[in-house]
Amino acid sequence: MLKPENQRAIYDFLMKRDISQVDWDIDRPKTKAYIEMRNSSLSPCLKQTVGKAEERVLTRLVRYH
């Protein structure tokens, strides 16, 4: 557990950050977990389309490298 003074320092640091210009949709980190969650919420039709598109991209990457 953090000491109260350390908790306060972290809180103050975060509260001073300017997040007014952040676009939370565009600036979000595209981690593996994010992509998996996003893809799991797609309809079955879109899942198939995304899967085929990813397959094509991977095939082209392998072919050219």
C-alpha atoms as a PDB file:
ATOM      1  CA  MET A   1       0.000   0.000   0.000  1.00  0.00           C
ATOM      2  CA  LEU A   2       1.290   3.429  -0.871  1.00  0.00           C
ATOM      3  CA  LYS A   3       1.990   5.942   1.822  1.00  0.00           C
ATOM      4  CA  PRO A   4      -0.599   8.759   1.924  1.00  0.00           C
ATOM      5  CA  GLU A   5       1.966  11.344   0.787  1.00  0.00           C
ATOM      6  CA  ASN A   6       2.855   9.179  -2.234  1.00  0.00           C
ATOM      7  CA  GLN A   7      -0.816   8.692  -3.070  1.00  0.00           C
ATOM      8  CA  ARG A   8      -1.279  12.453  -2.926  1.00  0.00           C
ATOM      9  CA  ALA A   9       1.755  13.044  -5.180  1.00  0.00           C
ATOM     10  CA  ILE A  10       0.360  10.671  -7.815  1.00  0.00           C
ATOM     11  CA  TYR A  11      -3.084  12.263  -7.562  1.00  0.00           C
ATOM     12  CA  ASP A  12      -1.641  15.779  -7.934  1.00  0.00           C
ATOM     13  CA  PHE A  13       0.487  14.696 -10.907  1.00  0.00           C
ATOM     14  CA  LEU A  14      -2.503  13.194 -12.715  1.00  0.00           C
ATOM     15  CA  MET A  15      -4.795  16.126 -11.940  1.00  0.00           C
ATOM     16  CA  LYS A  16      -2.290  18.606 -13.439  1.00  0.00           C
ATOM     17  CA  ARG A  17      -2.187  16.795 -16.779  1.00  0.00           C
ATOM     18  CA  ASP A  18      -3.978  18.610 -19.585  1.00  0.00           C
ATOM     19  CA  ILE A  19      -6.302  16.104 -21.220  1.00  0.00           C
ATOM     20  CA  SER A  20      -8.568  18.649 -22.897  1.00  0.00           C
ATOM     21  CA  GLN A  21      -7.135  17.938 -26.343  1.00  0.00           C
ATOM     22  CA  VAL A  22      -7.169  14.142 -26.091  1.00  0.00           C
ATOM     23  CA  ASP A  23      -9.411  12.338 -28.546  1.00  0.00           C
ATOM     24  CA  TRP A  24     -10.156   9.180 -26.584  1.00  0.00           C
ATOM     25  CA  ASP A  25     -11.214   7.235 -29.684  1.00  0.00           C
ATOM     26  CA  ILE A  26      -8.253   8.102 -31.913  1.00  0.00           C
ATOM     27  CA  ASP A  27      -5.514   8.445 -29.271  1.00  0.00           C
ATOM     28  CA  ARG A  28      -6.365   5.203 -27.469  1.00  0.00           C
ATOM     29  CA  PRO A  29      -3.512   2.668 -27.497  1.00  0.00           C
ATOM     30  CA  LYS A  30      -4.376  -0.187 -29.823  1.00  0.00           C
ATOM     31  CA  THR A  31      -3.207  -3.024 -27.599  1.00  0.00           C
ATOM     32  CA  LYS A  32      -3.804  -6.690 -28.288  1.00  0.00           C
ATOM     33  CA  ALA A  33      -6.391  -6.751 -25.485  1.00  0.00           C
ATOM     34  CA  TYR A  34      -8.251  -3.757 -26.971  1.00  0.00           C
ATOM     35  CA  ILE A  35      -8.352  -5.331 -30.437  1.00  0.00           C
ATOM     36  CA  GLU A  36      -9.568  -8.662 -29.030  1.00  0.00           C
ATOM     37  CA  MET A  37     -12.345  -6.941 -27.045  1.00  0.00           C
ATOM     38  CA  ARG A  38     -13.369  -4.847 -30.037  1.00  0.00           C
ATOM     39  CA  ASN A  39     -13.445  -7.869 -32.326  1.00  0.00           C
ATOM     40  CA  SER A  40     -15.383  -9.989 -29.825  1.00  0.00           C
ATOM     41  CA  SER A  41     -18.255  -7.496 -29.899  1.00  0.00           C
ATOM     42  CA  LEU A  42     -18.657  -7.636 -33.692  1.00  0.00           C
ATOM     43  CA  SER A  43     -21.566  -9.372 -35.345  1.00  0.00           C
ATOM     44  CA  PRO A  44     -20.770 -12.809 -36.851  1.00  0.00           C
ATOM     45  CA  CYS A  45     -20.891 -11.334 -40.372  1.00  0.00           C
ATOM     46  CA  LEU A  46     -18.375  -8.613 -39.513  1.00  0.00           C
ATOM     47  CA  LYS A  47     -16.154 -11.105 -37.684  1.00  0.00           C
ATOM     48  CA  GLN A  48     -15.916 -13.136 -40.866  1.00  0.00           C
ATOM     49  CA  THR A  49     -15.131 -10.021 -42.933  1.00  0.00           C
ATOM     50  CA  VAL A  50     -12.461  -8.831 -40.496  1.00  0.00           C
ATOM     51  CA  GLY A  51     -10.951 -12.322 -40.395  1.00  0.00           C
ATOM     52  CA  LYS A  52     -10.698 -12.493 -44.185  1.00  0.00           C
ATOM     53  CA  ALA A  53      -9.160  -9.000 -44.350  1.00  0.00           C
ATOM     54  CA  GLU A  54      -6.568  -9.898 -41.713  1.00  0.00           C
ATOM     55  CA  GLU A  55      -5.805 -13.098 -43.600  1.00  0.00           C
ATOM     56  CA  ARG A  56      -5.155 -11.156 -46.810  1.00  0.00           C
ATOM     57  CA  VAL A  57      -2.899  -8.657 -45.067  1.00  0.00           C
ATOM     58  CA  LEU A  58      -0.875 -11.417 -43.421  1.00  0.00           C
ATOM     59  CA  THR A  59      -0.587 -13.297 -46.722  1.00  0.00           C
ATOM     60  CA  ARG A  60       0.757 -10.184 -48.441  1.00  0.00           C
ATOM     61  CA  LEU A  61       3.199  -9.469 -45.608  1.00  0.00           C
ATOM     62  CA  VAL A  62       4.587 -13.008 -45.811  1.00  0.00           C
ATOM     63  CA  ARG A  63       4.766 -12.870 -49.589  1.00  0.00           C
ATOM     64  CA  TYR A  64       6.760  -9.603 -49.666  1.00  0.00           C
ATOM     65  CA  HIS A  65       9.165 -10.346 -46.825  1.00  0.00           C
END
